[in-house]
Amino acid sequence: TFDRLEQEDDINRIHDYFSYEHFYVIYCKFWELDADHDLYISRDDLAKHCNGAISNKMIDRIFSGAVSSSNMKEGKMSYSEFVWFLISEEDKRSPTSIEYWFRCMDIDGDGILSMFELDYFYQEQVHKMEIYGIEYMPFEDCICQMLDLVKPEEANKIRLKDLKRCKLTNVFFDTFFNLEKYLNNEQKDPFSNLKDPDSPELSDWVKYAEGEYDNLTHEDGGNDNLDDGNYDEDFEDEDHEVEEVTSKRLANNAVSPPQRLGGSELNNKIDDLEDELKRWKD
């Protein structure tokens, strides 16, 4: 990686570590949700993520302490916990993300996703689709599809190892607690997202982070010079434009923009996120 860093002009093109792009996207997402800016996200704050795409039952499970033993039970999600949440939400095919969502869905903690637990989460999806007038599958038909997708070793019992063998865990999880992504999956061939083992494809998280960073920097006529190869020369101007565009975007949501971090403070933040990413990968 260090050899590649010396040869590459734009460090954001190397994805072996937590880049500035990743940090900036997470920082802005956290700031937008943290309504009172106390550096904690409440249950109501998280319910607004992606315009309420994640089900209330899943948000309740996240704040129940199913995936964290810190202050989540008190109704507060810290910045580091939000890092885990956002990466798991946007890359549901990584081993750590699979473990994250499995623990959330395993209500009784017996290591098995039973038909009762799957039906528990699916019924909220059905309720939302009824409100929106969207045709939906009965649970019996849905679970047949999911069992065909996962192919568990034991009939009607989905274990963590079954999901880790599955190549389409994003489709499985979205079906039960993210209506927006579930509907998107229904409109396309789920196998179109399968990675070619012979070609190094970007992870879902990297693709999401790049897209969101591009939106932040290019919205409302933002910086158009990120890809011109003159990163060092344009860095100061880019910082100003990123801050200006982000300020406009957050102003529309009636919140103040995040304060620009100084050099040492920014390095400390990125170091913290790199530590979290290492824990997340392990």
C-alpha atoms as a PDB file:
ATOM      1  CA  THR A   1       0.000   0.000   0.000  1.00  0.00           C
ATOM      2  CA  PHE A   2       2.792   2.449   0.834  1.00  0.00           C
ATOM      3  CA  ASP A   3       4.410   1.847  -2.567  1.00  0.00           C
ATOM      4  CA  ARG A   4       1.098   2.564  -4.254  1.00  0.00           C
ATOM      5  CA  LEU A   5       0.697   5.740  -2.202  1.00  0.00           C
ATOM      6  CA  GLU A   6       4.016   7.017  -3.523  1.00  0.00           C
ATOM      7  CA  GLN A   7       2.990   6.308  -7.113  1.00  0.00           C
ATOM      8  CA  GLU A   8      -0.624   7.518  -6.932  1.00  0.00           C
ATOM      9  CA  ASP A   9      -1.382  11.236  -7.227  1.00  0.00           C
ATOM     10  CA  ASP A  10      -4.892  10.918  -5.757  1.00  0.00           C
ATOM     11  CA  ILE A  11      -4.825   8.947  -2.488  1.00  0.00           C
ATOM     12  CA  ASN A  12      -8.616   8.547  -2.603  1.00  0.00           C
ATOM     13  CA  ARG A  13      -8.164   6.024  -5.414  1.00  0.00           C
ATOM     14  CA  ILE A  14      -6.529   3.573  -3.009  1.00  0.00           C
ATOM     15  CA  HIS A  15      -9.138   1.705  -0.962  1.00  0.00           C
ATOM     16  CA  ASP A  16      -6.960  -0.329   1.414  1.00  0.00           C
ATOM     17  CA  TYR A  17      -7.485   2.131   4.244  1.00  0.00           C
ATOM     18  CA  PHE A  18      -9.997   4.680   5.527  1.00  0.00           C
ATOM     19  CA  SER A  19      -9.652   7.642   3.175  1.00  0.00           C
ATOM     20  CA  TYR A  20     -10.574  11.279   3.640  1.00  0.00           C
ATOM     21  CA  GLU A  21     -13.587  10.767   1.373  1.00  0.00           C
ATOM     22  CA  HIS A  22     -14.942   8.091   3.708  1.00  0.00           C
ATOM     23  CA  PHE A  23     -14.366  10.242   6.765  1.00  0.00           C
ATOM     24  CA  TYR A  24     -16.043  13.272   5.216  1.00  0.00           C
ATOM     25  CA  VAL A  25     -19.135  11.345   4.080  1.00  0.00           C
ATOM     26  CA  ILE A  26     -19.658   9.779   7.517  1.00  0.00           C
ATOM     27  CA  TYR A  27     -19.009  13.085   9.269  1.00  0.00           C
ATOM     28  CA  CYS A  28     -21.626  14.903   7.173  1.00  0.00           C
ATOM     29  CA  LYS A  29     -24.181  12.091   7.537  1.00  0.00           C
ATOM     30  CA  PHE A  30     -23.715  12.106  11.299  1.00  0.00           C
ATOM     31  CA  TRP A  31     -24.037  15.889  11.469  1.00  0.00           C
ATOM     32  CA  GLU A  32     -27.240  15.914   9.418  1.00  0.00           C
ATOM     33  CA  LEU A  33     -28.901  13.387  11.735  1.00  0.00           C
ATOM     34  CA  ASP A  34     -27.605  14.840  15.014  1.00  0.00           C
ATOM     35  CA  ALA A  35     -30.393  17.415  15.325  1.00  0.00           C
ATOM     36  CA  ASP A  36     -29.301  18.976  18.633  1.00  0.00           C
ATOM     37  CA  HIS A  37     -25.567  18.553  17.868  1.00  0.00           C
ATOM     38  CA  ASP A  38     -24.745  16.944  21.193  1.00  0.00           C
ATOM     39  CA  LEU A  39     -22.529  14.402  19.362  1.00  0.00           C
ATOM     40  CA  TYR A  40     -25.089  11.656  19.928  1.00  0.00           C
ATOM     41  CA  ILE A  41     -27.840  10.362  17.660  1.00  0.00           C
ATOM     42  CA  SER A  42     -31.164   9.530  19.260  1.00  0.00           C
ATOM     43  CA  ARG A  43     -33.649   6.931  18.141  1.00  0.00           C
ATOM     44  CA  ASP A  44     -35.779   9.637  16.497  1.00  0.00           C
ATOM     45  CA  ASP A  45     -32.698  11.007  14.734  1.00  0.00           C
ATOM     46  CA  LEU A  46     -31.791   7.619  13.291  1.00  0.00           C
ATOM     47  CA  ALA A  47     -35.379   7.060  12.150  1.00  0.00           C
ATOM     48  CA  LYS A  48     -34.832   9.928   9.678  1.00  0.00           C
ATOM     49  CA  HIS A  49     -31.919   8.172   7.974  1.00  0.00           C
ATOM     50  CA  CYS A  50     -32.609   7.891   4.228  1.00  0.00           C
ATOM     51  CA  ASN A  51     -36.065   9.404   4.713  1.00  0.00           C
ATOM     52  CA  GLY A  52     -37.171   6.706   7.126  1.00  0.00           C
ATOM     53  CA  ALA A  53     -36.234   3.734   4.949  1.00  0.00           C
ATOM     54  CA  ILE A  54     -35.214   1.535   7.892  1.00  0.00           C
ATOM     55  CA  SER A  55     -38.083  -0.054   9.802  1.00  0.00           C
ATOM     56  CA  ASN A  56     -39.009   1.034  13.310  1.00  0.00           C
ATOM     57  CA  LYS A  57     -38.624  -2.515  14.578  1.00  0.00           C
ATOM     58  CA  MET A  58     -35.037  -2.646  13.358  1.00  0.00           C
ATOM     59  CA  ILE A  59     -34.235   0.737  14.875  1.00  0.00           C
ATOM     60  CA  ASP A  60     -35.635  -0.535  18.175  1.00  0.00           C
ATOM     61  CA  ARG A  61     -33.339  -3.557  17.930  1.00  0.00           C
ATOM     62  CA  ILE A  62     -30.298  -1.381  17.235  1.00  0.00           C
ATOM     63  CA  PHE A  63     -31.013   0.725  20.316  1.00  0.00           C
ATOM     64  CA  SER A  64     -31.754  -2.351  22.418  1.00  0.00           C
ATOM     65  CA  GLY A  65     -28.024  -3.002  22.717  1.00  0.00           C
ATOM     66  CA  ALA A  66     -28.081  -6.009  20.390  1.00  0.00           C
ATOM     67  CA  VAL A  67     -24.876  -4.875  18.687  1.00  0.00           C
ATOM     68  CA  SER A  68     -23.365  -2.620  21.342  1.00  0.00           C
ATOM     69  CA  SER A  69     -22.928  -2.809  25.087  1.00  0.00           C
ATOM     70  CA  SER A  70     -22.246   0.900  25.663  1.00  0.00           C
ATOM     71  CA  ASN A  71     -24.898   3.596  26.012  1.00  0.00           C
ATOM     72  CA  MET A  72     -27.227   2.427  23.223  1.00  0.00           C
ATOM     73  CA  LYS A  73     -29.767   1.194  25.751  1.00  0.00           C
ATOM     74  CA  GLU A  74     -29.962   4.765  27.044  1.00  0.00           C
ATOM     75  CA  GLY A  75     -31.139   5.879  23.611  1.00  0.00           C
ATOM     76  CA  LYS A  76     -27.858   7.408  22.463  1.00  0.00           C
ATOM     77  CA  MET A  77     -25.705   6.373  19.504  1.00  0.00           C
ATOM     78  CA  SER A  78     -22.157   7.703  19.576  1.00  0.00           C
ATOM     79  CA  TYR A  79     -20.111   8.716  16.554  1.00  0.00           C
ATOM     80  CA  SER A  80     -18.096   5.479  16.529  1.00  0.00           C
ATOM     81  CA  GLU A  81     -21.299   3.420  16.767  1.00  0.00           C
ATOM     82  CA  PHE A  82     -22.704   5.378  13.838  1.00  0.00           C
ATOM     83  CA  VAL A  83     -19.627   4.432  11.795  1.00  0.00           C
ATOM     84  CA  TRP A  84     -20.427   0.759  12.372  1.00  0.00           C
ATOM     85  CA  PHE A  85     -24.084   1.310  11.539  1.00  0.00           C
ATOM     86  CA  LEU A  86     -23.545   3.246   8.308  1.00  0.00           C
ATOM     87  CA  ILE A  87     -20.931   0.882   6.868  1.00  0.00           C
ATOM     88  CA  SER A  88     -23.082  -2.125   7.778  1.00  0.00           C
ATOM     89  CA  GLU A  89     -26.141  -0.510   6.206  1.00  0.00           C
ATOM     90  CA  GLU A  90     -24.406   0.325   2.935  1.00  0.00           C
ATOM     91  CA  ASP A  91     -22.378  -2.886   2.557  1.00  0.00           C
ATOM     92  CA  LYS A  92     -24.544  -5.774   3.721  1.00  0.00           C
ATOM     93  CA  ARG A  93     -22.372  -8.373   1.990  1.00  0.00           C
ATOM     94  CA  SER A  94     -19.278  -7.999   4.165  1.00  0.00           C
ATOM     95  CA  PRO A  95     -18.778 -10.584   6.962  1.00  0.00           C
ATOM     96  CA  THR A  96     -18.898  -7.962   9.711  1.00  0.00           C
ATOM     97  CA  SER A  97     -22.090  -6.411   8.344  1.00  0.00           C
ATOM     98  CA  ILE A  98     -23.708  -9.838   8.148  1.00  0.00           C
ATOM     99  CA  GLU A  99     -22.874 -10.392  11.817  1.00  0.00           C
ATOM    100  CA  TYR A 100     -24.205  -6.936  12.697  1.00  0.00           C
ATOM    101  CA  TRP A 101     -27.633  -7.477  11.121  1.00  0.00           C
ATOM    102  CA  PHE A 102     -27.874 -11.114  12.166  1.00  0.00           C
ATOM    103  CA  ARG A 103     -27.527 -10.094  15.812  1.00  0.00           C
ATOM    104  CA  CYS A 104     -30.207  -7.452  15.312  1.00  0.00           C
ATOM    105  CA  MET A 105     -32.656  -9.928  13.775  1.00  0.00           C
ATOM    106  CA  ASP A 106     -31.922 -12.750  16.237  1.00  0.00           C
ATOM    107  CA  ILE A 107     -34.386 -11.469  18.832  1.00  0.00           C
ATOM    108  CA  ASP A 108     -34.080 -14.349  21.297  1.00  0.00           C
ATOM    109  CA  GLY A 109     -30.313 -14.681  20.843  1.00  0.00           C
ATOM    110  CA  ASP A 110     -30.383 -18.414  20.100  1.00  0.00           C
ATOM    111  CA  GLY A 111     -28.187 -18.144  16.994  1.00  0.00           C
ATOM    112  CA  ILE A 112     -31.060 -18.959  14.633  1.00  0.00           C
ATOM    113  CA  LEU A 113     -33.365 -16.740  12.592  1.00  0.00           C
ATOM    114  CA  SER A 114     -36.675 -18.512  13.010  1.00  0.00           C
ATOM    115  CA  MET A 115     -39.790 -18.109  10.903  1.00  0.00           C
ATOM    116  CA  PHE A 116     -41.345 -16.154  13.772  1.00  0.00           C
ATOM    117  CA  GLU A 117     -38.502 -13.619  13.797  1.00  0.00           C
ATOM    118  CA  LEU A 118     -38.530 -13.197  10.031  1.00  0.00           C
ATOM    119  CA  ASP A 119     -42.298 -12.725  10.030  1.00  0.00           C
ATOM    120  CA  TYR A 120     -41.967 -10.195  12.863  1.00  0.00           C
ATOM    121  CA  PHE A 121     -39.799  -7.913  10.724  1.00  0.00           C
ATOM    122  CA  TYR A 122     -41.593  -8.566   7.437  1.00  0.00           C
ATOM    123  CA  GLN A 123     -44.999  -7.510   8.764  1.00  0.00           C
ATOM    124  CA  GLU A 124     -43.853  -3.915   9.141  1.00  0.00           C
ATOM    125  CA  GLN A 125     -42.726  -3.948   5.519  1.00  0.00           C
ATOM    126  CA  VAL A 126     -46.176  -5.235   4.554  1.00  0.00           C
ATOM    127  CA  HIS A 127     -47.849  -2.498   6.593  1.00  0.00           C
ATOM    128  CA  LYS A 128     -45.828   0.212   4.834  1.00  0.00           C
ATOM    129  CA  MET A 129     -46.587  -1.223   1.401  1.00  0.00           C
ATOM    130  CA  GLU A 130     -50.294  -1.291   2.236  1.00  0.00           C
ATOM    131  CA  ILE A 131     -50.136   2.395   3.146  1.00  0.00           C
ATOM    132  CA  TYR A 132     -48.364   3.240  -0.124  1.00  0.00           C
ATOM    133  CA  GLY A 133     -50.719   1.069  -2.166  1.00  0.00           C
ATOM    134  CA  ILE A 134     -47.906  -1.240  -3.281  1.00  0.00           C
ATOM    135  CA  GLU A 135     -48.672  -4.850  -4.121  1.00  0.00           C
ATOM    136  CA  TYR A 136     -46.771  -7.218  -1.848  1.00  0.00           C
ATOM    137  CA  MET A 137     -46.099 -10.917  -1.459  1.00  0.00           C
ATOM    138  CA  PRO A 138     -47.641 -12.873   1.408  1.00  0.00           C
ATOM    139  CA  PHE A 139     -45.071 -13.937   3.975  1.00  0.00           C
ATOM    140  CA  GLU A 140     -45.328 -17.567   2.844  1.00  0.00           C
ATOM    141  CA  ASP A 141     -44.239 -16.649  -0.696  1.00  0.00           C
ATOM    142  CA  CYS A 142     -41.561 -14.263   0.539  1.00  0.00           C
ATOM    143  CA  ILE A 143     -39.994 -16.810   2.862  1.00  0.00           C
ATOM    144  CA  CYS A 144     -39.886 -19.400   0.069  1.00  0.00           C
ATOM    145  CA  GLN A 145     -37.833 -16.963  -1.986  1.00  0.00           C
ATOM    146  CA  MET A 146     -35.526 -16.167   0.922  1.00  0.00           C
ATOM    147  CA  LEU A 147     -34.935 -19.831   1.762  1.00  0.00           C
ATOM    148  CA  ASP A 148     -34.093 -20.496  -1.889  1.00  0.00           C
ATOM    149  CA  LEU A 149     -31.727 -17.537  -1.759  1.00  0.00           C
ATOM    150  CA  VAL A 150     -29.894 -18.535   1.434  1.00  0.00           C
ATOM    151  CA  LYS A 151     -30.179 -22.334   1.170  1.00  0.00           C
ATOM    152  CA  PRO A 152     -29.768 -23.042   4.916  1.00  0.00           C
ATOM    153  CA  GLU A 153     -28.341 -26.380   5.995  1.00  0.00           C
ATOM    154  CA  GLU A 154     -31.298 -26.989   8.319  1.00  0.00           C
ATOM    155  CA  ALA A 155     -34.811 -26.506   6.986  1.00  0.00           C
ATOM    156  CA  ASN A 156     -36.544 -23.280   8.064  1.00  0.00           C
ATOM    157  CA  LYS A 157     -33.649 -22.268  10.329  1.00  0.00           C
ATOM    158  CA  ILE A 158     -31.170 -19.674   9.116  1.00  0.00           C
ATOM    159  CA  ARG A 159     -27.870 -19.535  10.964  1.00  0.00           C
ATOM    160  CA  LEU A 160     -25.015 -17.057  10.695  1.00  0.00           C
ATOM    161  CA  LYS A 161     -22.870 -19.508   8.724  1.00  0.00           C
ATOM    162  CA  ASP A 162     -25.679 -19.921   6.177  1.00  0.00           C
ATOM    163  CA  LEU A 163     -25.767 -16.188   5.525  1.00  0.00           C
ATOM    164  CA  LYS A 164     -21.986 -15.946   5.274  1.00  0.00           C
ATOM    165  CA  ARG A 165     -22.102 -18.491   2.448  1.00  0.00           C
ATOM    166  CA  CYS A 166     -24.817 -16.535   0.652  1.00  0.00           C
ATOM    167  CA  LYS A 167     -23.705 -14.048  -2.013  1.00  0.00           C
ATOM    168  CA  LEU A 168     -26.869 -11.949  -1.850  1.00  0.00           C
ATOM    169  CA  THR A 169     -27.215 -11.108   1.828  1.00  0.00           C
ATOM    170  CA  ASN A 170     -28.000  -7.511   0.895  1.00  0.00           C
ATOM    171  CA  VAL A 171     -31.199  -8.724  -0.787  1.00  0.00           C
ATOM    172  CA  PHE A 172     -32.048 -10.890   2.221  1.00  0.00           C
ATOM    173  CA  PHE A 173     -31.625  -8.157   4.839  1.00  0.00           C
ATOM    174  CA  ASP A 174     -33.250  -5.396   2.763  1.00  0.00           C
ATOM    175  CA  THR A 175     -36.338  -7.569   2.370  1.00  0.00           C
ATOM    176  CA  PHE A 176     -36.978  -7.470   6.106  1.00  0.00           C
ATOM    177  CA  PHE A 177     -36.103  -3.952   7.226  1.00  0.00           C
ATOM    178  CA  ASN A 178     -35.244  -1.501   4.423  1.00  0.00           C
ATOM    179  CA  LEU A 179     -38.284  -0.888   2.242  1.00  0.00           C
ATOM    180  CA  GLU A 180     -36.631   1.496  -0.211  1.00  0.00           C
ATOM    181  CA  LYS A 181     -33.806  -0.896  -1.039  1.00  0.00           C
ATOM    182  CA  TYR A 182     -36.185  -3.856  -1.028  1.00  0.00           C
ATOM    183  CA  LEU A 183     -38.325  -2.209  -3.708  1.00  0.00           C
ATOM    184  CA  ASN A 184     -35.215  -1.331  -5.718  1.00  0.00           C
ATOM    185  CA  ASN A 185     -34.079  -4.949  -5.540  1.00  0.00           C
ATOM    186  CA  GLU A 186     -37.483  -6.057  -6.819  1.00  0.00           C
ATOM    187  CA  GLN A 187     -37.011  -3.925  -9.941  1.00  0.00           C
ATOM    188  CA  LYS A 188     -33.688  -5.417 -10.995  1.00  0.00           C
ATOM    189  CA  ASP A 189     -31.923  -8.717 -11.375  1.00  0.00           C
ATOM    190  CA  PRO A 190     -30.370  -9.411  -7.942  1.00  0.00           C
ATOM    191  CA  PHE A 191     -27.597 -11.447  -9.543  1.00  0.00           C
ATOM    192  CA  SER A 192     -26.433  -8.404 -11.506  1.00  0.00           C
ATOM    193  CA  ASN A 193     -24.605  -7.214  -8.381  1.00  0.00           C
ATOM    194  CA  LEU A 194     -22.599 -10.384  -7.906  1.00  0.00           C
ATOM    195  CA  LYS A 195     -18.875  -9.793  -7.974  1.00  0.00           C
ATOM    196  CA  ASP A 196     -16.681 -11.416 -10.571  1.00  0.00           C
ATOM    197  CA  PRO A 197     -14.070 -13.323  -8.537  1.00  0.00           C
ATOM    198  CA  ASP A 198     -11.504 -12.727 -11.282  1.00  0.00           C
ATOM    199  CA  SER A 199     -11.880  -8.946 -11.298  1.00  0.00           C
ATOM    200  CA  PRO A 200     -11.166  -6.616  -8.349  1.00  0.00           C
ATOM    201  CA  GLU A 201     -14.504  -4.855  -7.910  1.00  0.00           C
ATOM    202  CA  LEU A 202     -15.107  -2.069  -5.427  1.00  0.00           C
ATOM    203  CA  SER A 203     -17.090  -2.985  -2.332  1.00  0.00           C
ATOM    204  CA  ASP A 204     -20.612  -1.656  -1.878  1.00  0.00           C
ATOM    205  CA  TRP A 205     -19.315   0.659   0.840  1.00  0.00           C
ATOM    206  CA  VAL A 206     -16.598   2.185  -1.344  1.00  0.00           C
ATOM    207  CA  LYS A 207     -19.066   2.754  -4.184  1.00  0.00           C
ATOM    208  CA  TYR A 208     -21.534   4.382  -1.790  1.00  0.00           C
ATOM    209  CA  ALA A 209     -18.878   6.622  -0.223  1.00  0.00           C
ATOM    210  CA  GLU A 210     -17.581   7.749  -3.610  1.00  0.00           C
ATOM    211  CA  GLY A 211     -21.092   8.548  -4.819  1.00  0.00           C
ATOM    212  CA  GLU A 212     -22.015  10.501  -1.689  1.00  0.00           C
ATOM    213  CA  TYR A 213     -18.727  12.404  -1.693  1.00  0.00           C
ATOM    214  CA  ASP A 214     -19.333  13.315  -5.313  1.00  0.00           C
ATOM    215  CA  ASN A 215     -22.810  14.584  -4.409  1.00  0.00           C
ATOM    216  CA  LEU A 216     -21.431  16.690  -1.571  1.00  0.00           C
ATOM    217  CA  THR A 217     -18.727  18.276  -3.685  1.00  0.00           C
ATOM    218  CA  HIS A 218     -20.578  18.737  -6.971  1.00  0.00           C
ATOM    219  CA  GLU A 219     -24.086  19.667  -5.877  1.00  0.00           C
ATOM    220  CA  ASP A 220     -25.188  23.174  -6.872  1.00  0.00           C
ATOM    221  CA  GLY A 221     -22.278  23.648  -9.257  1.00  0.00           C
ATOM    222  CA  GLY A 222     -19.595  22.463  -6.874  1.00  0.00           C
ATOM    223  CA  ASN A 223     -16.015  21.630  -7.718  1.00  0.00           C
ATOM    224  CA  ASP A 224     -15.511  20.061 -11.157  1.00  0.00           C
ATOM    225  CA  ASN A 225     -11.767  19.586 -10.911  1.00  0.00           C
ATOM    226  CA  LEU A 226     -11.489  16.581  -8.606  1.00  0.00           C
ATOM    227  CA  ASP A 227     -10.584  14.263 -11.471  1.00  0.00           C
ATOM    228  CA  ASP A 228      -8.153  16.491 -13.347  1.00  0.00           C
ATOM    229  CA  GLY A 229      -5.109  14.958 -11.664  1.00  0.00           C
ATOM    230  CA  ASN A 230      -3.954  18.246 -10.061  1.00  0.00           C
ATOM    231  CA  TYR A 231      -4.984  17.266  -6.563  1.00  0.00           C
ATOM    232  CA  ASP A 232      -2.106  18.979  -4.767  1.00  0.00           C
ATOM    233  CA  GLU A 233      -2.534  22.263  -6.629  1.00  0.00           C
ATOM    234  CA  ASP A 234      -6.306  22.412  -6.192  1.00  0.00           C
ATOM    235  CA  PHE A 235      -6.552  21.082  -2.635  1.00  0.00           C
ATOM    236  CA  GLU A 236      -7.014  24.471  -0.987  1.00  0.00           C
ATOM    237  CA  ASP A 237      -9.668  25.588  -3.496  1.00  0.00           C
ATOM    238  CA  GLU A 238     -11.451  22.238  -3.234  1.00  0.00           C
ATOM    239  CA  ASP A 239     -11.654  22.524   0.540  1.00  0.00           C
ATOM    240  CA  HIS A 240     -13.336  25.907   0.195  1.00  0.00           C
ATOM    241  CA  GLU A 241     -15.821  24.653  -2.402  1.00  0.00           C
ATOM    242  CA  VAL A 242     -16.658  21.491  -0.440  1.00  0.00           C
ATOM    243  CA  GLU A 243     -17.374  23.600   2.631  1.00  0.00           C
ATOM    244  CA  GLU A 244     -19.502  26.054   0.643  1.00  0.00           C
ATOM    245  CA  VAL A 245     -21.570  23.348  -1.071  1.00  0.00           C
ATOM    246  CA  THR A 246     -22.073  21.432   2.170  1.00  0.00           C
ATOM    247  CA  SER A 247     -23.139  24.632   3.920  1.00  0.00           C
ATOM    248  CA  LYS A 248     -25.819  25.232   1.286  1.00  0.00           C
ATOM    249  CA  ARG A 249     -27.042  21.660   1.511  1.00  0.00           C
ATOM    250  CA  LEU A 250     -27.281  21.619   5.285  1.00  0.00           C
ATOM    251  CA  ALA A 251     -28.829  25.077   5.355  1.00  0.00           C
ATOM    252  CA  ASN A 252     -31.781  23.651   3.465  1.00  0.00           C
ATOM    253  CA  ASN A 253     -32.271  21.264   6.384  1.00  0.00           C
ATOM    254  CA  ALA A 254     -32.193  24.129   8.902  1.00  0.00           C
ATOM    255  CA  VAL A 255     -28.988  22.997  10.583  1.00  0.00           C
ATOM    256  CA  SER A 256     -25.531  24.493  10.776  1.00  0.00           C
ATOM    257  CA  PRO A 257     -22.723  22.962   8.709  1.00  0.00           C
ATOM    258  CA  PRO A 258     -19.986  20.961  10.410  1.00  0.00           C
ATOM    259  CA  GLN A 259     -17.036  23.041  11.500  1.00  0.00           C
ATOM    260  CA  ARG A 260     -13.961  22.674   9.342  1.00  0.00           C
ATOM    261  CA  LEU A 261     -11.360  20.692  11.240  1.00  0.00           C
ATOM    262  CA  GLY A 262      -7.800  21.858  11.673  1.00  0.00           C
ATOM    263  CA  GLY A 263      -4.883  19.711  10.574  1.00  0.00           C
ATOM    264  CA  SER A 264      -4.187  17.975  13.876  1.00  0.00           C
ATOM    265  CA  GLU A 265      -7.877  17.588  14.722  1.00  0.00           C
ATOM    266  CA  LEU A 266      -8.621  16.144  11.285  1.00  0.00           C
ATOM    267  CA  ASN A 267      -5.762  13.669  11.632  1.00  0.00           C
ATOM    268  CA  ASN A 268      -7.065  12.600  15.034  1.00  0.00           C
ATOM    269  CA  LYS A 269     -10.554  12.063  13.601  1.00  0.00           C
ATOM    270  CA  ILE A 270      -9.222  10.012  10.695  1.00  0.00           C
ATOM    271  CA  ASP A 271      -7.022   7.979  13.068  1.00  0.00           C
ATOM    272  CA  ASP A 272     -10.098   7.212  15.184  1.00  0.00           C
ATOM    273  CA  LEU A 273     -12.031   6.109  12.120  1.00  0.00           C
ATOM    274  CA  GLU A 274      -9.151   3.941  10.914  1.00  0.00           C
ATOM    275  CA  ASP A 275      -9.163   2.204  14.312  1.00  0.00           C
ATOM    276  CA  GLU A 276     -12.914   1.624  13.999  1.00  0.00           C
ATOM    277  CA  LEU A 277     -12.484   0.283  10.461  1.00  0.00           C
ATOM    278  CA  LYS A 278      -9.826  -2.181  11.637  1.00  0.00           C
ATOM    279  CA  ARG A 279     -12.202  -3.405  14.368  1.00  0.00           C
ATOM    280  CA  TRP A 280     -15.006  -3.588  11.803  1.00  0.00           C
ATOM    281  CA  LYS A 281     -12.907  -5.692   9.400  1.00  0.00           C
ATOM    282  CA  ASP A 282     -11.650  -7.984  12.192  1.00  0.00           C
END
